[in-house]
Amino acid sequence: LGVRLLYGKLDFYPAFLILLLAPEYYQPLRQLGAKFHTATGAKSATDAIASWLQDSVAGSAIPAAASAINPRTDSKVVTMPAQPGGISLEFRAVDFAYHAEQPVLQALSLKIPAGQHVALTGPSGGGKTTLAALVLGFLSPQAGTVLIDNQDLADIPPDQLNGWIAYMPQYPRLFADSLWNNLTLGQPAAEETEVLNLLDELGLAGLVQQLPQGLQTRVGQGGQPLSGGQVQRLGLARALLQHAPLLILDEPTSALDPDTETCIHATLERRLGQTTLLTIAHRLTTIQQSDRIIYLEHGRIVEDGSHTQLLAHNGLYSRLMQIAEVDP
């Protein structure tokens, strides 16, 4: 193009127009690779969502494609334990890997009695979140068995499993709806008095009073314009309102200041009672509240015991705590 301009074979304005349009013409081709990978990831996510929704329809058959992702069926009827309180968890020689060459959990065996409060800690990538995802039924073990209340999780229908477990992710999701509907998503029959009392315990009474329509005030997608700490506490309130015998918390105090964190721990101690609690945490104060601490590394249980026992052992957990105390 430059040579043709130089020798007068092409006028300036047509050449300028070509320079403007040529990048736009080739842009779809340049983006094709990125779009292909995005579409591949979207298909995988869609398959998982379709599987979960299909499993949630009572009495429906589970297609083969969905069963490959999550092979739980509703062929058996299981019942909630008659005694009040929490339910037990057990992992028997569980293996799991997202990629065959990189195992996340390796022959992991673990028993958690009913009513015990257990903290999972350790370096990132150790398998803590994967362990929780297996209990929730989001993933299925590639070897071994997960049991809830001595019943194989694969035999528990999804709708019943959902009634047994309350889950708070590290970043709770609030939807573009009223605060009330967001809080009672898992417990539509909740009483307003109960909700207000819980919010007061979590230090959110002032927030509700400031909102123009109280609990009926609509929030935006993701909880806008609320702060991260407020969204996290609202997510915890939603989980506690379900009164499930098993509560799973993923970094429940990561966005909170020390004073608010102390308030949260006091609320959990008052309200959980004999509920079985599984907490993924790195904060020293959150871990110390647990009856038992499991230190996971490379998909294996490296240390198991109370806070005092593991400190006395002077192993990996002890070093982690020393770093946590020094790091502001």
Protein backbone atom coordinates (compact mmCIF):
# COMPACT_ATOMS: atom_id res chain seq x y z
CA LEU A 1 0.00 0.00 0.00
CA GLY A 2 2.82 2.40 0.87
CA VAL A 3 4.66 1.64 -2.37
CA ARG A 4 1.57 2.30 -4.46
CA LEU A 5 1.08 5.60 -2.69
CA LEU A 6 4.72 6.51 -3.23
CA TYR A 7 4.56 5.94 -6.99
CA GLY A 8 1.15 7.52 -7.43
CA LYS A 9 -0.64 4.28 -8.23
CA LEU A 10 -3.22 4.95 -5.50
CA ASP A 11 -4.80 8.15 -4.24
CA PHE A 12 -4.42 9.15 -0.61
CA TYR A 13 -8.09 9.00 0.42
CA PRO A 14 -8.76 5.43 -0.83
CA ALA A 15 -5.52 4.30 0.83
CA PHE A 16 -6.54 5.98 4.08
CA LEU A 17 -9.95 4.28 3.93
CA ILE A 18 -8.29 0.89 3.42
CA LEU A 19 -6.07 1.45 6.45
CA LEU A 20 -9.14 2.24 8.55
CA LEU A 21 -11.23 -0.72 7.40
CA ALA A 22 -8.60 -3.48 7.18
CA PRO A 23 -8.21 -3.99 10.97
CA GLU A 24 -12.00 -4.15 11.40
CA TYR A 25 -12.23 -6.74 8.64
CA TYR A 26 -9.69 -9.06 10.27
CA GLN A 27 -10.79 -8.45 13.86
CA PRO A 28 -13.33 -11.35 13.97
CA LEU A 29 -10.61 -13.72 12.76
CA ARG A 30 -8.20 -12.49 15.43
CA GLN A 31 -10.83 -12.97 18.13
CA LEU A 32 -11.93 -16.40 16.93
CA GLY A 33 -9.47 -18.28 19.14
CA ALA A 34 -10.47 -16.43 22.31
CA LYS A 35 -14.19 -16.78 21.55
CA PHE A 36 -13.77 -20.51 20.96
CA HIS A 37 -12.19 -21.03 24.39
CA THR A 38 -14.89 -18.88 26.02
CA ALA A 39 -17.61 -20.94 24.35
CA THR A 40 -15.96 -24.18 25.48
CA GLY A 41 -15.89 -22.98 29.09
CA ALA A 42 -19.49 -21.80 28.85
CA LYS A 43 -20.60 -25.21 27.58
CA SER A 44 -18.95 -26.96 30.53
CA ALA A 45 -20.64 -24.58 32.97
CA THR A 46 -23.99 -25.01 31.20
CA ASP A 47 -23.72 -28.81 31.38
CA ALA A 48 -23.07 -28.62 35.14
CA ILE A 49 -26.00 -26.21 35.69
CA ALA A 50 -28.31 -28.36 33.57
CA SER A 51 -27.29 -31.41 35.58
CA TRP A 52 -28.02 -29.67 38.88
CA LEU A 53 -31.40 -28.36 37.70
CA GLN A 54 -32.32 -31.76 36.28
CA ASP A 55 -31.40 -33.45 39.57
CA SER A 56 -33.58 -30.97 41.45
CA VAL A 57 -36.76 -31.95 39.59
CA ALA A 58 -38.50 -34.54 41.75
CA GLY A 59 -39.25 -37.80 40.01
CA SER A 60 -37.43 -36.92 36.80
CA ALA A 61 -34.98 -39.20 35.09
CA ILE A 62 -31.34 -38.17 35.04
CA PRO A 63 -29.86 -38.21 31.52
CA ALA A 64 -26.62 -40.05 30.86
CA ALA A 65 -24.70 -36.82 30.16
CA ALA A 66 -25.77 -35.36 33.47
CA SER A 67 -25.02 -38.57 35.33
CA ALA A 68 -21.44 -38.43 34.13
CA ILE A 69 -21.03 -35.09 35.92
CA ASN A 70 -23.00 -35.92 39.05
CA PRO A 71 -24.16 -39.54 39.18
CA ARG A 72 -26.51 -39.20 42.14
CA THR A 73 -29.94 -40.74 41.65
CA ASP A 74 -33.22 -40.65 43.45
CA SER A 75 -33.71 -44.41 43.42
CA LYS A 76 -33.61 -44.61 47.22
CA VAL A 77 -35.52 -42.72 49.86
CA VAL A 78 -33.53 -41.58 52.87
CA THR A 79 -34.83 -39.93 55.99
CA MET A 80 -33.55 -37.24 58.30
CA PRO A 81 -32.17 -38.65 61.57
CA ALA A 82 -34.75 -38.60 64.33
CA GLN A 83 -32.46 -37.14 67.00
CA PRO A 84 -32.05 -33.34 67.08
CA GLY A 85 -28.71 -31.70 66.35
CA GLY A 86 -26.15 -32.23 63.65
CA ILE A 87 -25.36 -35.11 61.34
CA SER A 88 -22.12 -37.02 60.84
CA LEU A 89 -19.78 -36.85 57.84
CA GLU A 90 -17.36 -39.46 56.60
CA PHE A 91 -14.92 -39.67 53.70
CA ARG A 92 -13.67 -43.16 52.87
CA ALA A 93 -10.53 -43.28 50.71
CA VAL A 94 -11.79 -40.47 48.49
CA ASP A 95 -9.89 -39.55 45.32
CA PHE A 96 -10.65 -36.56 43.14
CA ALA A 97 -8.83 -34.73 40.33
CA TYR A 98 -9.89 -31.98 37.95
CA HIS A 99 -7.07 -33.14 35.67
CA ALA A 100 -5.83 -36.73 35.71
CA GLU A 101 -2.20 -35.73 36.12
CA GLN A 102 -2.94 -33.39 39.06
CA PRO A 103 -4.87 -35.16 41.87
CA VAL A 104 -6.56 -32.81 44.34
CA LEU A 105 -7.58 -35.42 46.93
CA GLN A 106 -5.67 -38.66 47.37
CA ALA A 107 -7.17 -41.58 49.31
CA LEU A 108 -8.53 -39.11 51.86
CA SER A 109 -10.30 -40.65 54.85
CA LEU A 110 -11.95 -38.50 57.51
CA LYS A 111 -14.71 -38.95 60.11
CA ILE A 112 -16.59 -35.99 61.57
CA PRO A 113 -19.03 -36.91 64.37
CA ALA A 114 -22.43 -35.24 64.57
CA GLY A 115 -22.31 -31.86 66.26
CA GLN A 116 -18.56 -31.33 65.90
CA HIS A 117 -17.20 -27.98 64.72
CA VAL A 118 -14.32 -28.58 62.31
CA ALA A 119 -12.03 -26.08 60.59
CA LEU A 120 -10.23 -26.92 57.35
CA THR A 121 -7.04 -24.96 56.85
CA GLY A 122 -3.78 -25.17 54.95
CA PRO A 123 -2.19 -23.66 51.84
CA SER A 124 -4.22 -22.77 48.75
CA GLY A 125 -4.81 -25.74 46.47
CA GLY A 126 -4.73 -28.22 49.34
CA GLY A 127 -8.25 -29.52 48.62
CA LYS A 128 -10.34 -27.64 51.19
CA THR A 129 -12.92 -26.20 48.78
CA THR A 130 -13.03 -29.46 46.81
CA LEU A 131 -13.83 -31.33 50.02
CA ALA A 132 -16.78 -29.00 50.67
CA ALA A 133 -17.96 -29.30 47.06
CA LEU A 134 -18.06 -33.09 47.41
CA VAL A 135 -20.28 -32.83 50.50
CA LEU A 136 -22.57 -30.39 48.71
CA GLY A 137 -22.93 -32.77 45.78
CA PHE A 138 -21.41 -30.29 43.32
CA LEU A 139 -18.74 -32.88 42.54
CA SER A 140 -18.62 -36.67 42.78
CA PRO A 141 -15.60 -38.65 44.01
CA GLN A 142 -13.72 -40.58 41.36
CA ALA A 143 -12.90 -43.22 43.95
CA GLY A 144 -14.09 -43.84 47.49
CA THR A 145 -17.31 -42.84 49.21
CA VAL A 146 -18.77 -39.79 50.94
CA LEU A 147 -21.30 -40.60 53.68
CA ILE A 148 -23.71 -38.24 55.42
CA ASP A 149 -25.31 -39.64 58.55
CA ASN A 150 -23.94 -43.08 57.52
CA GLN A 151 -25.76 -42.90 54.17
CA ASP A 152 -23.95 -42.87 50.85
CA LEU A 153 -24.27 -39.39 49.39
CA ALA A 154 -24.80 -40.96 45.95
CA ASP A 155 -28.08 -42.43 47.25
CA ILE A 156 -29.45 -39.18 48.68
CA PRO A 157 -31.84 -37.33 46.32
CA PRO A 158 -30.70 -33.75 45.68
CA ASP A 159 -33.86 -32.17 47.08
CA GLN A 160 -33.34 -33.99 50.39
CA LEU A 161 -29.63 -33.21 50.46
CA ASN A 162 -30.38 -29.52 49.96
CA GLY A 163 -32.59 -29.60 53.04
CA TRP A 164 -29.81 -31.08 55.16
CA ILE A 165 -27.07 -28.58 54.31
CA ALA A 166 -26.76 -24.81 54.56
CA TYR A 167 -23.84 -23.32 52.66
CA MET A 168 -22.23 -19.90 52.73
CA PRO A 169 -19.60 -19.36 50.00
CA GLN A 170 -16.70 -16.97 50.48
CA TYR A 171 -18.46 -14.43 48.26
CA PRO A 172 -22.21 -14.78 48.94
CA ARG A 173 -24.44 -13.91 46.02
CA LEU A 174 -27.27 -11.44 46.54
CA PHE A 175 -29.77 -11.14 43.71
CA ALA A 176 -31.53 -8.09 42.30
CA ASP A 177 -34.51 -8.43 44.61
CA SER A 178 -35.72 -7.30 48.03
CA LEU A 179 -33.50 -7.87 51.03
CA TRP A 180 -36.27 -10.04 52.52
CA ASN A 181 -36.41 -12.36 49.50
CA ASN A 182 -32.63 -12.68 49.49
CA LEU A 183 -32.53 -13.59 53.18
CA THR A 184 -35.40 -16.09 53.10
CA LEU A 185 -34.34 -17.78 49.87
CA GLY A 186 -33.75 -21.07 51.69
CA GLN A 187 -36.45 -20.57 54.32
CA PRO A 188 -39.55 -18.87 52.84
CA ALA A 189 -41.53 -19.53 56.03
CA ALA A 190 -39.18 -17.49 58.23
CA GLU A 191 -40.83 -15.06 60.65
CA GLU A 192 -39.94 -11.37 60.44
CA THR A 193 -39.14 -11.26 64.16
CA GLU A 194 -36.64 -14.10 63.79
CA VAL A 195 -34.97 -12.41 60.82
CA LEU A 196 -34.70 -9.05 62.60
CA ASN A 197 -33.30 -10.63 65.76
CA LEU A 198 -30.65 -12.48 63.76
CA LEU A 199 -29.68 -9.35 61.85
CA ASP A 200 -29.37 -7.50 65.15
CA GLU A 201 -26.99 -10.18 66.46
CA LEU A 202 -24.91 -9.84 63.29
CA GLY A 203 -24.68 -6.07 63.66
CA LEU A 204 -27.00 -5.31 60.74
CA ALA A 205 -29.94 -3.74 62.59
CA GLY A 206 -28.64 -0.25 61.81
CA LEU A 207 -28.43 -1.08 58.11
CA VAL A 208 -32.07 -2.20 57.99
CA GLN A 209 -33.21 0.94 59.82
CA GLN A 210 -31.37 3.15 57.32
CA LEU A 211 -32.91 1.50 54.27
CA PRO A 212 -35.94 3.38 52.89
CA GLN A 213 -38.24 0.33 52.92
CA GLY A 214 -36.48 -1.78 55.53
CA LEU A 215 -36.32 -5.46 54.61
CA GLN A 216 -38.45 -4.81 51.52
CA THR A 217 -35.78 -2.54 50.02
CA ARG A 218 -34.46 -3.85 46.73
CA VAL A 219 -30.73 -4.34 46.27
CA GLY A 220 -28.88 -4.58 42.99
CA GLN A 221 -27.19 -7.62 41.50
CA GLY A 222 -24.42 -8.71 43.85
CA GLY A 223 -25.88 -6.63 46.69
CA GLN A 224 -25.15 -3.17 45.32
CA PRO A 225 -24.76 -0.65 46.93
CA LEU A 226 -23.94 -2.65 50.10
CA SER A 227 -20.37 -3.15 51.28
CA GLY A 228 -18.54 -6.48 51.05
CA GLY A 229 -18.75 -6.96 54.82
CA GLN A 230 -22.50 -6.32 54.84
CA VAL A 231 -23.05 -8.77 51.98
CA GLN A 232 -20.98 -11.39 53.79
CA ARG A 233 -23.02 -11.04 56.99
CA LEU A 234 -26.29 -11.17 55.03
CA GLY A 235 -25.06 -14.38 53.40
CA LEU A 236 -24.35 -15.82 56.84
CA ALA A 237 -27.81 -14.79 58.04
CA ARG A 238 -29.39 -16.55 55.07
CA ALA A 239 -27.48 -19.75 55.89
CA LEU A 240 -28.37 -19.63 59.60
CA LEU A 241 -32.07 -19.11 58.86
CA GLN A 242 -32.20 -22.53 57.19
CA HIS A 243 -31.62 -24.32 60.53
CA ALA A 244 -29.88 -27.15 58.65
CA PRO A 245 -28.15 -29.93 60.64
CA LEU A 246 -24.95 -29.32 58.62
CA LEU A 247 -23.51 -25.86 58.02
CA ILE A 248 -20.59 -25.25 55.64
CA LEU A 249 -18.85 -21.86 55.78
CA ASP A 250 -16.15 -20.80 53.32
CA GLU A 251 -14.01 -17.98 54.79
CA PRO A 252 -17.01 -16.51 56.68
CA THR A 253 -15.09 -13.56 58.15
CA SER A 254 -12.65 -12.67 55.37
CA ALA A 255 -14.25 -9.26 54.71
CA LEU A 256 -14.87 -8.31 58.36
CA ASP A 257 -13.01 -6.15 60.83
CA PRO A 258 -11.91 -7.70 64.18
CA ASP A 259 -14.82 -6.27 66.20
CA THR A 260 -17.43 -7.53 63.75
CA GLU A 261 -15.66 -10.88 63.55
CA THR A 262 -15.94 -11.25 67.34
CA CYS A 263 -19.67 -10.51 67.04
CA ILE A 264 -20.02 -13.20 64.36
CA HIS A 265 -18.28 -15.83 66.48
CA ALA A 266 -20.54 -15.03 69.43
CA THR A 267 -23.61 -15.42 67.21
CA LEU A 268 -22.42 -18.76 65.85
CA GLU A 269 -21.70 -20.05 69.35
CA ARG A 270 -25.20 -19.09 70.53
CA ARG A 271 -27.12 -20.37 67.55
CA LEU A 272 -25.37 -23.49 66.29
CA GLY A 273 -25.68 -25.69 69.36
CA GLN A 274 -25.24 -29.28 68.15
CA THR A 275 -25.21 -28.36 64.46
CA THR A 276 -22.30 -29.94 62.59
CA LEU A 277 -20.07 -27.14 61.31
CA LEU A 278 -17.45 -27.36 58.57
CA THR A 279 -15.47 -24.12 58.15
CA ILE A 280 -12.82 -23.33 55.54
CA ALA A 281 -10.63 -20.66 57.10
CA HIS A 282 -7.19 -19.10 57.30
CA ARG A 283 -7.82 -16.47 59.96
CA LEU A 284 -6.35 -17.41 63.32
CA THR A 285 -9.39 -16.21 65.28
CA THR A 286 -11.82 -18.20 63.14
CA ILE A 287 -9.77 -21.40 63.33
CA GLN A 288 -9.32 -21.21 67.11
CA GLN A 289 -13.09 -21.34 67.65
CA SER A 290 -13.30 -24.90 66.27
CA ASP A 291 -13.38 -28.15 68.23
CA ARG A 292 -11.06 -29.73 65.70
CA ILE A 293 -8.66 -28.48 63.03
CA ILE A 294 -7.75 -30.39 59.86
CA TYR A 295 -4.61 -29.21 58.06
CA LEU A 296 -4.75 -30.18 54.39
CA GLU A 297 -1.83 -30.09 51.97
CA HIS A 298 -1.61 -31.61 48.49
CA GLY A 299 -4.92 -33.41 49.00
CA ARG A 300 -3.87 -35.21 52.17
CA ILE A 301 -4.55 -34.71 55.87
CA VAL A 302 -1.20 -33.68 57.32
CA GLU A 303 -2.31 -32.73 60.84
CA ASP A 304 -5.50 -33.32 62.82
CA GLY A 305 -6.32 -32.10 66.33
CA SER A 306 -7.40 -29.19 68.48
CA HIS A 307 -5.72 -25.79 68.35
CA THR A 308 -3.75 -26.53 71.53
CA GLN A 309 -2.71 -30.00 70.36
CA LEU A 310 -1.47 -28.78 66.98
CA LEU A 311 0.47 -25.89 68.49
CA ALA A 312 2.18 -28.33 70.87
CA HIS A 313 2.99 -30.59 67.92
CA ASN A 314 5.01 -27.70 66.45
CA GLY A 315 4.35 -28.73 62.87
CA LEU A 316 2.91 -27.04 59.79
CA TYR A 317 -0.13 -25.65 61.60
CA SER A 318 2.06 -24.12 64.30
CA ARG A 319 4.19 -22.40 61.66
CA LEU A 320 1.04 -21.16 59.90
CA MET A 321 -0.16 -19.61 63.14
CA GLN A 322 3.21 -17.94 63.73
CA ILE A 323 2.99 -16.34 60.29
CA ALA A 324 -0.61 -15.24 60.94
CA GLU A 325 0.38 -13.58 64.22
CA VAL A 326 3.28 -11.69 62.62
CA ASP A 327 1.45 -10.71 59.43
CA PRO A 328 -0.79 -7.67 60.13
